[in-house]
Amino acid sequence: MDRSTNLDIEELKMTREQYILATQQNNLPRTENAQLYPVGIYGWRKRCLYFFVLLLLVTMIVNLAMTIWILKVMNFTVDGMGNLRVTKKGIRLEGISEFLLPLYVKEIHSRKDSPLVLQSDRNVTVNARNHMGQLTGQLTVGADAVEAQCKRFEVRASEDGRVLFSADEDEITIGAEKLKVTGTEGAVFGHSVETPHVRAEPSQDLRLESPTRSLIMEAPRGVQVSAAAGDFKATCRKELHLQSTEGEIFLNADTIRLGNLPTGSYSSSSTSSSSSRQTVYELCVCPSGKLYLSPAGVGSTCQSSSNICLWS
């Protein structure tokens, strides 16, 4: 018992001494066979990192220089850029402006002391659409013509807003006080003309002419032609017909003359010697309606001069 107890005590002492030696060895710095591992980036990785940092720095400098150059060229300010100014009433453009894409605005107007000019290399087209996007009106200003497509086209006076000209599918209305056509050929109408009054300018003659066809003036309640201070002349190359279907032809004048009428001959011997001094004639009418003169006598001489009616 004593021997075994002594052995156990000695083993415990040896175990305790080994533990103490082991802990003391771990706490002491190891200087023998120590290997050092550096901390950080070295070698080609470090060179690549420096290269990327330098490239990033150069890119930032170039980007900053380009930004400053764009601001300088485009003339950016607090109010806008270049000719574009942002005001309380909207956007203001000064000088010539070009738009490459569609422009959507509510109102376009020029300055009070300058006109508004819209210019294009081909044509200028203004479209109007309804709330569904359908085209309701179009105005095209081209090199050859100006075209307007709409239901009604109107031109109004600037003072009172009176309609000076209007056109639609049914009629064309001219509301001006005077319609003046300055062409040498005058006004050409393909169909009928309806007007309450036709007059010429002061000190000018009024002439109604049909160069190749007849000229017809018709009115259900009569046609009146008057010359208050001058002569009225009706000239034709062939026949002049005065016809009244239900009334009469009334000639009211102090003197009525029918010139260039054929004169019949009176064969009476009593008046043959005085035919050279004949000054009074008788107006005769043929059955065809032809008028001729016959030397006046004691009685009617139309029957003796009726040979004119034979070849008429």
C-alpha atoms as a PDB file:
ATOM      1  CA  MET A   1       0.000   0.000   0.000  1.00  0.00           C
ATOM      2  CA  ASP A   2       2.709   2.409   0.900  1.00  0.00           C
ATOM      3  CA  ARG A   3       4.750   1.596  -2.105  1.00  0.00           C
ATOM      4  CA  SER A   4       1.898   2.037  -4.552  1.00  0.00           C
ATOM      5  CA  THR A   5       0.934   5.275  -2.930  1.00  0.00           C
ATOM      6  CA  ASN A   6       4.421   6.635  -3.288  1.00  0.00           C
ATOM      7  CA  LEU A   7       4.412   5.693  -6.995  1.00  0.00           C
ATOM      8  CA  ASP A   8       1.186   7.546  -7.600  1.00  0.00           C
ATOM      9  CA  ILE A   9       2.500  10.631  -5.870  1.00  0.00           C
ATOM     10  CA  GLU A  10       5.662  10.564  -7.937  1.00  0.00           C
ATOM     11  CA  GLU A  11       3.654  10.200 -11.179  1.00  0.00           C
ATOM     12  CA  LEU A  12       1.487  13.136 -10.221  1.00  0.00           C
ATOM     13  CA  LYS A  13       4.590  15.229  -9.571  1.00  0.00           C
ATOM     14  CA  MET A  14       6.110  14.250 -12.896  1.00  0.00           C
ATOM     15  CA  THR A  15       2.841  15.059 -14.718  1.00  0.00           C
ATOM     16  CA  ARG A  16       2.671  18.396 -12.954  1.00  0.00           C
ATOM     17  CA  GLU A  17       6.267  19.229 -13.830  1.00  0.00           C
ATOM     18  CA  GLN A  18       5.686  18.301 -17.495  1.00  0.00           C
ATOM     19  CA  TYR A  19       2.563  20.541 -17.631  1.00  0.00           C
ATOM     20  CA  ILE A  20       4.430  23.456 -16.114  1.00  0.00           C
ATOM     21  CA  LEU A  21       7.335  22.977 -18.559  1.00  0.00           C
ATOM     22  CA  ALA A  22       4.934  22.746 -21.469  1.00  0.00           C
ATOM     23  CA  THR A  23       3.072  25.935 -20.522  1.00  0.00           C
ATOM     24  CA  GLN A  24       6.304  27.813 -19.924  1.00  0.00           C
ATOM     25  CA  GLN A  25       7.663  26.783 -23.321  1.00  0.00           C
ATOM     26  CA  ASN A  26       4.503  28.034 -25.081  1.00  0.00           C
ATOM     27  CA  ASN A  27       4.732  31.436 -23.400  1.00  0.00           C
ATOM     28  CA  LEU A  28       8.372  31.980 -24.328  1.00  0.00           C
ATOM     29  CA  PRO A  29       9.100  33.482 -27.779  1.00  0.00           C
ATOM     30  CA  ARG A  30      10.301  31.001 -30.305  1.00  0.00           C
ATOM     31  CA  THR A  31      13.416  32.226 -31.919  1.00  0.00           C
ATOM     32  CA  GLU A  32      14.580  29.048 -33.393  1.00  0.00           C
ATOM     33  CA  ASN A  33      13.322  28.019 -36.845  1.00  0.00           C
ATOM     34  CA  ALA A  34      10.756  30.915 -36.958  1.00  0.00           C
ATOM     35  CA  GLN A  35       9.166  31.598 -40.468  1.00  0.00           C
ATOM     36  CA  LEU A  36       7.895  35.207 -41.201  1.00  0.00           C
ATOM     37  CA  TYR A  37       4.838  35.699 -43.591  1.00  0.00           C
ATOM     38  CA  PRO A  38       4.578  39.278 -45.005  1.00  0.00           C
ATOM     39  CA  VAL A  39       1.152  41.033 -44.868  1.00  0.00           C
ATOM     40  CA  GLY A  40      -0.104  43.133 -47.976  1.00  0.00           C
ATOM     41  CA  ILE A  41       0.031  43.124 -51.854  1.00  0.00           C
ATOM     42  CA  TYR A  42       3.395  42.730 -53.475  1.00  0.00           C
ATOM     43  CA  GLY A  43       4.748  41.889 -56.882  1.00  0.00           C
ATOM     44  CA  TRP A  44       2.723  42.072 -60.124  1.00  0.00           C
ATOM     45  CA  ARG A  45      -0.562  42.487 -58.204  1.00  0.00           C
ATOM     46  CA  LYS A  46       0.756  45.704 -56.712  1.00  0.00           C
ATOM     47  CA  ARG A  47       1.813  47.001 -60.138  1.00  0.00           C
ATOM     48  CA  CYS A  48      -1.608  46.187 -61.659  1.00  0.00           C
ATOM     49  CA  LEU A  49      -3.352  47.961 -58.799  1.00  0.00           C
ATOM     50  CA  TYR A  50      -1.225  51.073 -59.301  1.00  0.00           C
ATOM     51  CA  PHE A  51      -1.923  50.930 -63.061  1.00  0.00           C
ATOM     52  CA  PHE A  52      -5.722  50.761 -62.565  1.00  0.00           C
ATOM     53  CA  VAL A  53      -5.613  53.606 -60.036  1.00  0.00           C
ATOM     54  CA  LEU A  54      -3.609  55.717 -62.505  1.00  0.00           C
ATOM     55  CA  LEU A  55      -6.000  54.844 -65.369  1.00  0.00           C
ATOM     56  CA  LEU A  56      -8.996  55.786 -63.226  1.00  0.00           C
ATOM     57  CA  LEU A  57      -7.361  59.094 -62.326  1.00  0.00           C
ATOM     58  CA  VAL A  58      -6.653  59.910 -66.000  1.00  0.00           C
ATOM     59  CA  THR A  59     -10.246  59.016 -66.967  1.00  0.00           C
ATOM     60  CA  MET A  60     -11.621  61.294 -64.260  1.00  0.00           C
ATOM     61  CA  ILE A  61      -9.427  64.161 -65.428  1.00  0.00           C
ATOM     62  CA  VAL A  62     -10.444  63.710 -69.089  1.00  0.00           C
ATOM     63  CA  ASN A  63     -14.125  63.437 -68.122  1.00  0.00           C
ATOM     64  CA  LEU A  64     -13.914  66.608 -66.058  1.00  0.00           C
ATOM     65  CA  ALA A  65     -12.145  68.441 -68.899  1.00  0.00           C
ATOM     66  CA  MET A  66     -14.782  67.293 -71.422  1.00  0.00           C
ATOM     67  CA  THR A  67     -17.597  68.367 -69.114  1.00  0.00           C
ATOM     68  CA  ILE A  68     -16.069  71.819 -68.694  1.00  0.00           C
ATOM     69  CA  TRP A  69     -15.561  72.084 -72.476  1.00  0.00           C
ATOM     70  CA  ILE A  70     -19.194  71.107 -73.200  1.00  0.00           C
ATOM     71  CA  LEU A  71     -20.454  73.627 -70.662  1.00  0.00           C
ATOM     72  CA  LYS A  72     -18.302  76.282 -72.288  1.00  0.00           C
ATOM     73  CA  VAL A  73     -19.277  75.463 -75.865  1.00  0.00           C
ATOM     74  CA  MET A  74     -23.004  75.063 -75.171  1.00  0.00           C
ATOM     75  CA  ASN A  75     -22.973  78.211 -73.085  1.00  0.00           C
ATOM     76  CA  PHE A  76     -24.695  76.693 -70.081  1.00  0.00           C
ATOM     77  CA  THR A  77     -25.890  79.256 -67.565  1.00  0.00           C
ATOM     78  CA  VAL A  78     -28.324  79.382 -64.701  1.00  0.00           C
ATOM     79  CA  ASP A  79     -31.130  80.504 -67.074  1.00  0.00           C
ATOM     80  CA  GLY A  80     -30.505  77.912 -69.793  1.00  0.00           C
ATOM     81  CA  MET A  81     -27.988  77.035 -72.466  1.00  0.00           C
ATOM     82  CA  GLY A  82     -26.932  78.817 -75.659  1.00  0.00           C
ATOM     83  CA  ASN A  83     -29.889  80.545 -77.358  1.00  0.00           C
ATOM     84  CA  LEU A  84     -32.300  78.678 -75.104  1.00  0.00           C
ATOM     85  CA  ARG A  85     -33.555  80.550 -72.053  1.00  0.00           C
ATOM     86  CA  VAL A  86     -35.965  79.249 -69.469  1.00  0.00           C
ATOM     87  CA  THR A  87     -38.304  81.995 -68.247  1.00  0.00           C
ATOM     88  CA  LYS A  88     -41.447  82.120 -66.157  1.00  0.00           C
ATOM     89  CA  LYS A  89     -43.636  82.188 -69.277  1.00  0.00           C
ATOM     90  CA  GLY A  90     -41.900  79.261 -70.945  1.00  0.00           C
ATOM     91  CA  ILE A  91     -38.858  78.642 -73.130  1.00  0.00           C
ATOM     92  CA  ARG A  92     -37.322  81.428 -75.216  1.00  0.00           C
ATOM     93  CA  LEU A  93     -35.145  80.808 -78.267  1.00  0.00           C
ATOM     94  CA  GLU A  94     -33.002  83.526 -79.797  1.00  0.00           C
ATOM     95  CA  GLY A  95     -31.573  83.278 -83.307  1.00  0.00           C
ATOM     96  CA  ILE A  96     -31.924  80.384 -85.753  1.00  0.00           C
ATOM     97  CA  SER A  97     -33.047  77.081 -84.211  1.00  0.00           C
ATOM     98  CA  GLU A  98     -33.221  73.632 -85.789  1.00  0.00           C
ATOM     99  CA  PHE A  99     -35.289  70.702 -84.507  1.00  0.00           C
ATOM    100  CA  LEU A 100     -34.417  67.237 -85.775  1.00  0.00           C
ATOM    101  CA  LEU A 101     -37.233  65.471 -83.912  1.00  0.00           C
ATOM    102  CA  PRO A 102     -40.912  66.394 -83.359  1.00  0.00           C
ATOM    103  CA  LEU A 103     -41.564  69.432 -81.160  1.00  0.00           C
ATOM    104  CA  TYR A 104     -44.659  69.464 -78.960  1.00  0.00           C
ATOM    105  CA  VAL A 105     -45.660  72.881 -77.653  1.00  0.00           C
ATOM    106  CA  LYS A 106     -48.867  74.695 -76.828  1.00  0.00           C
ATOM    107  CA  GLU A 107     -48.022  78.089 -78.304  1.00  0.00           C
ATOM    108  CA  ILE A 108     -45.279  79.574 -80.491  1.00  0.00           C
ATOM    109  CA  HIS A 109     -44.910  83.328 -80.903  1.00  0.00           C
ATOM    110  CA  SER A 110     -42.145  85.725 -81.839  1.00  0.00           C
ATOM    111  CA  ARG A 111     -40.906  88.853 -80.192  1.00  0.00           C
ATOM    112  CA  LYS A 112     -42.925  92.025 -80.542  1.00  0.00           C
ATOM    113  CA  ASP A 113     -40.332  93.680 -82.767  1.00  0.00           C
ATOM    114  CA  SER A 114     -39.490  90.731 -85.039  1.00  0.00           C
ATOM    115  CA  PRO A 115     -41.421  88.283 -87.260  1.00  0.00           C
ATOM    116  CA  LEU A 116     -41.754  84.543 -86.814  1.00  0.00           C
ATOM    117  CA  VAL A 117     -40.039  82.603 -89.598  1.00  0.00           C
ATOM    118  CA  LEU A 118     -40.502  78.861 -90.181  1.00  0.00           C
ATOM    119  CA  GLN A 119     -38.064  77.583 -92.798  1.00  0.00           C
ATOM    120  CA  SER A 120     -37.549  74.159 -94.348  1.00  0.00           C
ATOM    121  CA  ASP A 121     -35.577  72.769 -97.273  1.00  0.00           C
ATOM    122  CA  ARG A 122     -38.689  71.040 -98.655  1.00  0.00           C
ATOM    123  CA  ASN A 123     -41.938  72.341 -97.194  1.00  0.00           C
ATOM    124  CA  VAL A 124     -43.533  73.524 -93.970  1.00  0.00           C
ATOM    125  CA  THR A 125     -46.591  71.562 -92.839  1.00  0.00           C
ATOM    126  CA  VAL A 126     -48.895  72.490 -89.965  1.00  0.00           C
ATOM    127  CA  ASN A 127     -51.290  69.755 -88.795  1.00  0.00           C
ATOM    128  CA  ALA A 128     -54.277  69.947 -86.472  1.00  0.00           C
ATOM    129  CA  ARG A 129     -55.668  66.817 -84.803  1.00  0.00           C
ATOM    130  CA  ASN A 130     -58.590  66.047 -82.544  1.00  0.00           C
ATOM    131  CA  HIS A 131     -58.508  64.325 -79.162  1.00  0.00           C
ATOM    132  CA  MET A 132     -58.410  60.919 -80.897  1.00  0.00           C
ATOM    133  CA  GLY A 133     -55.335  61.816 -82.927  1.00  0.00           C
ATOM    134  CA  GLN A 134     -57.199  62.062 -86.237  1.00  0.00           C
ATOM    135  CA  LEU A 135     -56.083  64.705 -88.739  1.00  0.00           C
ATOM    136  CA  THR A 136     -58.701  67.488 -88.981  1.00  0.00           C
ATOM    137  CA  GLY A 137     -56.765  70.262 -90.739  1.00  0.00           C
ATOM    138  CA  GLN A 138     -53.519  70.674 -92.635  1.00  0.00           C
ATOM    139  CA  LEU A 139     -51.649  73.638 -94.100  1.00  0.00           C
ATOM    140  CA  THR A 140     -48.699  72.909 -96.379  1.00  0.00           C
ATOM    141  CA  VAL A 141     -46.397  75.607 -97.734  1.00  0.00           C
ATOM    142  CA  GLY A 142     -44.300  74.118-100.517  1.00  0.00           C
ATOM    143  CA  ALA A 143     -42.032  75.329-103.272  1.00  0.00           C
ATOM    144  CA  ASP A 144     -44.766  75.110-105.921  1.00  0.00           C
ATOM    145  CA  ALA A 145     -48.034  75.707-104.069  1.00  0.00           C
ATOM    146  CA  VAL A 146     -49.727  76.430-100.762  1.00  0.00           C
ATOM    147  CA  GLU A 147     -52.304  73.787 -99.892  1.00  0.00           C
ATOM    148  CA  ALA A 148     -54.934  73.874 -97.150  1.00  0.00           C
ATOM    149  CA  GLN A 149     -57.041  70.825 -96.293  1.00  0.00           C
ATOM    150  CA  CYS A 150     -59.859  71.507 -93.867  1.00  0.00           C
ATOM    151  CA  LYS A 151     -63.635  71.614 -93.638  1.00  0.00           C
ATOM    152  CA  ARG A 152     -63.770  75.412 -93.870  1.00  0.00           C
ATOM    153  CA  PHE A 153     -61.113  77.989 -94.735  1.00  0.00           C
ATOM    154  CA  GLU A 154     -61.606  81.591 -93.543  1.00  0.00           C
ATOM    155  CA  VAL A 155     -59.738  84.876 -93.850  1.00  0.00           C
ATOM    156  CA  ARG A 156     -60.868  87.543 -91.370  1.00  0.00           C
ATOM    157  CA  ALA A 157     -60.189  91.249 -91.037  1.00  0.00           C
ATOM    158  CA  SER A 158     -57.748  92.276 -88.337  1.00  0.00           C
ATOM    159  CA  GLU A 159     -59.875  95.154 -87.038  1.00  0.00           C
ATOM    160  CA  ASP A 160     -63.410  93.825 -86.553  1.00  0.00           C
ATOM    161  CA  GLY A 161     -62.952  90.120 -87.321  1.00  0.00           C
ATOM    162  CA  ARG A 162     -65.251  90.300 -90.339  1.00  0.00           C
ATOM    163  CA  VAL A 163     -65.008  87.360 -92.748  1.00  0.00           C
ATOM    164  CA  LEU A 164     -63.247  88.539 -95.907  1.00  0.00           C
ATOM    165  CA  PHE A 165     -62.991  85.159 -97.618  1.00  0.00           C
ATOM    166  CA  SER A 166     -64.398  81.755 -96.756  1.00  0.00           C
ATOM    167  CA  ALA A 167     -64.479  78.486 -98.657  1.00  0.00           C
ATOM    168  CA  ASP A 168     -66.015  75.095 -97.991  1.00  0.00           C
ATOM    169  CA  GLU A 169     -67.360  72.195-100.017  1.00  0.00           C
ATOM    170  CA  ASP A 170     -70.621  73.996-100.871  1.00  0.00           C
ATOM    171  CA  GLU A 171     -69.682  77.603-101.626  1.00  0.00           C
ATOM    172  CA  ILE A 172     -67.039  80.316-101.629  1.00  0.00           C
ATOM    173  CA  THR A 173     -67.918  83.614 -99.972  1.00  0.00           C
ATOM    174  CA  ILE A 174     -66.091  86.924-100.468  1.00  0.00           C
ATOM    175  CA  GLY A 175     -67.020  89.461 -97.818  1.00  0.00           C
ATOM    176  CA  ALA A 176     -64.784  92.331 -98.934  1.00  0.00           C
ATOM    177  CA  GLU A 177     -66.369  95.575-100.062  1.00  0.00           C
ATOM    178  CA  LYS A 178     -64.703  95.329-103.463  1.00  0.00           C
ATOM    179  CA  LEU A 179     -63.508  92.378-105.556  1.00  0.00           C
ATOM    180  CA  LYS A 180     -60.740  93.523-107.886  1.00  0.00           C
ATOM    181  CA  VAL A 181     -59.347  91.315-110.661  1.00  0.00           C
ATOM    182  CA  THR A 182     -56.253  92.891-112.227  1.00  0.00           C
ATOM    183  CA  GLY A 183     -55.536  90.236-114.860  1.00  0.00           C
ATOM    184  CA  THR A 184     -55.576  91.257-118.510  1.00  0.00           C
ATOM    185  CA  GLU A 185     -58.057  88.491-119.353  1.00  0.00           C
ATOM    186  CA  GLY A 186     -60.404  89.485-116.552  1.00  0.00           C
ATOM    187  CA  ALA A 187     -62.423  86.956-114.582  1.00  0.00           C
ATOM    188  CA  VAL A 188     -63.340  83.618-116.166  1.00  0.00           C
ATOM    189  CA  PHE A 189     -66.403  81.749-114.879  1.00  0.00           C
ATOM    190  CA  GLY A 190     -67.078  78.225-116.069  1.00  0.00           C
ATOM    191  CA  HIS A 191     -70.758  78.304-115.101  1.00  0.00           C
ATOM    192  CA  SER A 192     -73.389  80.833-114.105  1.00  0.00           C
ATOM    193  CA  VAL A 193     -72.707  84.041-112.183  1.00  0.00           C
ATOM    194  CA  GLU A 194     -75.168  85.376-109.621  1.00  0.00           C
ATOM    195  CA  THR A 195     -74.763  88.977-108.514  1.00  0.00           C
ATOM    196  CA  PRO A 196     -77.109  91.850-107.642  1.00  0.00           C
ATOM    197  CA  HIS A 197     -74.830  94.515-109.111  1.00  0.00           C
ATOM    198  CA  VAL A 198     -72.094  94.714-111.746  1.00  0.00           C
ATOM    199  CA  ARG A 199     -70.200  97.962-112.140  1.00  0.00           C
ATOM    200  CA  ALA A 200     -66.860  99.218-113.392  1.00  0.00           C
ATOM    201  CA  GLU A 201     -64.365 101.407-111.617  1.00  0.00           C
ATOM    202  CA  PRO A 202     -64.773 105.184-111.795  1.00  0.00           C
ATOM    203  CA  SER A 203     -63.863 106.619-115.223  1.00  0.00           C
ATOM    204  CA  GLN A 204     -63.759 103.106-116.689  1.00  0.00           C
ATOM    205  CA  ASP A 205     -66.108 101.389-119.146  1.00  0.00           C
ATOM    206  CA  LEU A 206     -67.993  98.247-118.215  1.00  0.00           C
ATOM    207  CA  ARG A 207     -67.705  95.555-120.857  1.00  0.00           C
ATOM    208  CA  LEU A 208     -69.341  92.136-120.850  1.00  0.00           C
ATOM    209  CA  GLU A 209     -67.876  89.988-123.586  1.00  0.00           C
ATOM    210  CA  SER A 210     -68.049  86.393-124.762  1.00  0.00           C
ATOM    211  CA  PRO A 211     -65.268  85.948-127.350  1.00  0.00           C
ATOM    212  CA  THR A 212     -66.437  82.656-128.891  1.00  0.00           C
ATOM    213  CA  ARG A 213     -70.045  82.167-127.762  1.00  0.00           C
ATOM    214  CA  SER A 214     -73.151  84.196-127.073  1.00  0.00           C
ATOM    215  CA  LEU A 215     -73.764  86.395-124.031  1.00  0.00           C
ATOM    216  CA  ILE A 216     -77.059  85.759-122.265  1.00  0.00           C
ATOM    217  CA  MET A 217     -78.556  87.823-119.470  1.00  0.00           C
ATOM    218  CA  GLU A 218     -81.715  86.403-117.929  1.00  0.00           C
ATOM    219  CA  ALA A 219     -83.908  87.506-115.062  1.00  0.00           C
ATOM    220  CA  PRO A 220     -87.384  86.258-114.107  1.00  0.00           C
ATOM    221  CA  ARG A 221     -88.582  89.809-113.344  1.00  0.00           C
ATOM    222  CA  GLY A 222     -86.905  91.649-116.187  1.00  0.00           C
ATOM    223  CA  VAL A 223     -83.530  92.927-117.343  1.00  0.00           C
ATOM    224  CA  GLN A 224     -82.959  96.682-117.279  1.00  0.00           C
ATOM    225  CA  VAL A 225     -80.127  98.385-119.136  1.00  0.00           C
ATOM    226  CA  SER A 226     -79.935 102.160-118.842  1.00  0.00           C
ATOM    227  CA  ALA A 227     -77.508 104.943-119.657  1.00  0.00           C
ATOM    228  CA  ALA A 228     -78.506 107.962-117.622  1.00  0.00           C
ATOM    229  CA  ALA A 229     -75.981 110.430-119.044  1.00  0.00           C
ATOM    230  CA  GLY A 230     -74.939 108.909-122.353  1.00  0.00           C
ATOM    231  CA  ASP A 231     -75.887 106.832-125.360  1.00  0.00           C
ATOM    232  CA  PHE A 232     -77.003 103.236-125.417  1.00  0.00           C
ATOM    233  CA  LYS A 233     -75.701 101.273-128.407  1.00  0.00           C
ATOM    234  CA  ALA A 234     -76.468  97.738-129.500  1.00  0.00           C
ATOM    235  CA  THR A 235     -74.300  96.568-132.418  1.00  0.00           C
ATOM    236  CA  CYS A 236     -74.261  93.153-134.056  1.00  0.00           C
ATOM    237  CA  ARG A 237     -72.901  91.602-137.229  1.00  0.00           C
ATOM    238  CA  LYS A 238     -76.033  89.731-138.229  1.00  0.00           C
ATOM    239  CA  GLU A 239     -79.622  90.082-137.025  1.00  0.00           C
ATOM    240  CA  LEU A 240     -80.816  92.016-133.991  1.00  0.00           C
ATOM    241  CA  HIS A 241     -83.953  90.458-132.566  1.00  0.00           C
ATOM    242  CA  LEU A 242     -86.301  92.279-130.219  1.00  0.00           C
ATOM    243  CA  GLN A 243     -88.924  89.802-129.094  1.00  0.00           C
ATOM    244  CA  SER A 244     -91.714  90.020-126.571  1.00  0.00           C
ATOM    245  CA  THR A 245     -93.818  86.894-126.182  1.00  0.00           C
ATOM    246  CA  GLU A 246     -96.657  88.348-124.118  1.00  0.00           C
ATOM    247  CA  GLY A 247     -96.158  92.112-124.238  1.00  0.00           C
ATOM    248  CA  GLU A 248     -95.209  94.825-126.639  1.00  0.00           C
ATOM    249  CA  ILE A 249     -92.046  96.546-127.749  1.00  0.00           C
ATOM    250  CA  PHE A 250     -92.385 100.209-126.825  1.00  0.00           C
ATOM    251  CA  LEU A 251     -89.989 102.784-128.282  1.00  0.00           C
ATOM    252  CA  ASN A 252     -90.323 106.097-126.497  1.00  0.00           C
ATOM    253  CA  ALA A 253     -88.087 108.895-127.776  1.00  0.00           C
ATOM    254  CA  ASP A 254     -88.302 112.341-129.334  1.00  0.00           C
ATOM    255  CA  THR A 255     -86.766 111.047-132.549  1.00  0.00           C
ATOM    256  CA  ILE A 256     -86.637 107.478-133.802  1.00  0.00           C
ATOM    257  CA  ARG A 257     -84.364 106.880-136.785  1.00  0.00           C
ATOM    258  CA  LEU A 258     -83.819 103.733-138.787  1.00  0.00           C
ATOM    259  CA  GLY A 259     -80.747 104.190-140.949  1.00  0.00           C
ATOM    260  CA  ASN A 260     -79.445 102.187-143.925  1.00  0.00           C
ATOM    261  CA  LEU A 261     -82.897 100.928-144.895  1.00  0.00           C
ATOM    262  CA  PRO A 262     -83.379  99.976-148.577  1.00  0.00           C
ATOM    263  CA  THR A 263     -85.313 102.520-150.598  1.00  0.00           C
ATOM    264  CA  GLY A 264     -87.962 101.389-153.056  1.00  0.00           C
ATOM    265  CA  SER A 265     -88.569 103.070-156.400  1.00  0.00           C
ATOM    266  CA  TYR A 266     -91.883 104.681-157.339  1.00  0.00           C
ATOM    267  CA  SER A 267     -92.695 104.265-161.063  1.00  0.00           C
ATOM    268  CA  SER A 268     -95.282 107.013-161.340  1.00  0.00           C
ATOM    269  CA  SER A 269     -94.485 109.453-164.159  1.00  0.00           C
ATOM    270  CA  SER A 270     -95.702 112.381-162.173  1.00  0.00           C
ATOM    271  CA  THR A 271     -93.022 111.984-159.599  1.00  0.00           C
ATOM    272  CA  SER A 272     -90.207 110.616-161.717  1.00  0.00           C
ATOM    273  CA  SER A 273     -88.892 114.061-162.492  1.00  0.00           C
ATOM    274  CA  SER A 274     -88.846 115.012-158.856  1.00  0.00           C
ATOM    275  CA  SER A 275     -87.244 111.791-157.508  1.00  0.00           C
ATOM    276  CA  SER A 276     -83.944 113.571-157.151  1.00  0.00           C
ATOM    277  CA  ARG A 277     -85.588 116.049-154.802  1.00  0.00           C
ATOM    278  CA  GLN A 278     -87.386 113.416-152.728  1.00  0.00           C
ATOM    279  CA  THR A 279     -87.058 114.134-148.986  1.00  0.00           C
ATOM    280  CA  VAL A 280     -90.118 112.445-147.529  1.00  0.00           C
ATOM    281  CA  TYR A 281     -90.409 108.659-147.437  1.00  0.00           C
ATOM    282  CA  GLU A 282     -92.914 106.148-146.268  1.00  0.00           C
ATOM    283  CA  LEU A 283     -91.945 103.301-143.949  1.00  0.00           C
ATOM    284  CA  CYS A 284     -93.122  99.988-145.320  1.00  0.00           C
ATOM    285  CA  VAL A 285     -93.079  96.479-143.869  1.00  0.00           C
ATOM    286  CA  CYS A 286     -92.738  93.252-145.827  1.00  0.00           C
ATOM    287  CA  PRO A 287     -94.641  90.091-144.796  1.00  0.00           C
ATOM    288  CA  SER A 288     -91.303  88.727-143.556  1.00  0.00           C
ATOM    289  CA  GLY A 289     -90.976  91.696-141.226  1.00  0.00           C
ATOM    290  CA  LYS A 290     -88.359  93.540-143.246  1.00  0.00           C
ATOM    291  CA  LEU A 291     -88.573  97.337-143.213  1.00  0.00           C
ATOM    292  CA  TYR A 292     -87.878  99.516-146.226  1.00  0.00           C
ATOM    293  CA  LEU A 293     -88.476 103.056-147.356  1.00  0.00           C
ATOM    294  CA  SER A 294     -90.685 104.099-150.207  1.00  0.00           C
ATOM    295  CA  PRO A 295     -90.941 107.604-151.680  1.00  0.00           C
ATOM    296  CA  ALA A 296     -93.989 109.264-150.199  1.00  0.00           C
ATOM    297  CA  GLY A 297     -96.841 110.198-152.479  1.00  0.00           C
ATOM    298  CA  VAL A 298    -100.441 111.263-152.305  1.00  0.00           C
ATOM    299  CA  GLY A 299    -101.362 107.750-151.313  1.00  0.00           C
ATOM    300  CA  SER A 300     -99.431 104.793-150.000  1.00  0.00           C
ATOM    301  CA  THR A 301     -96.601 103.693-152.284  1.00  0.00           C
ATOM    302  CA  CYS A 302     -95.674 100.498-150.443  1.00  0.00           C
ATOM    303  CA  GLN A 303     -97.554  98.273-152.892  1.00  0.00           C
ATOM    304  CA  SER A 304     -95.827  99.741-155.938  1.00  0.00           C
ATOM    305  CA  SER A 305     -92.436  99.222-154.270  1.00  0.00           C
ATOM    306  CA  SER A 306     -93.144  95.675-153.070  1.00  0.00           C
ATOM    307  CA  ASN A 307     -90.504  94.243-155.381  1.00  0.00           C
ATOM    308  CA  ILE A 308     -88.054  94.642-152.476  1.00  0.00           C
ATOM    309  CA  CYS A 309     -90.012  92.020-150.553  1.00  0.00           C
ATOM    310  CA  LEU A 310     -89.548  89.494-153.343  1.00  0.00           C
ATOM    311  CA  TRP A 311     -85.794  89.127-152.929  1.00  0.00           C
ATOM    312  CA  SER A 312     -85.769  89.641-149.182  1.00  0.00           C
END
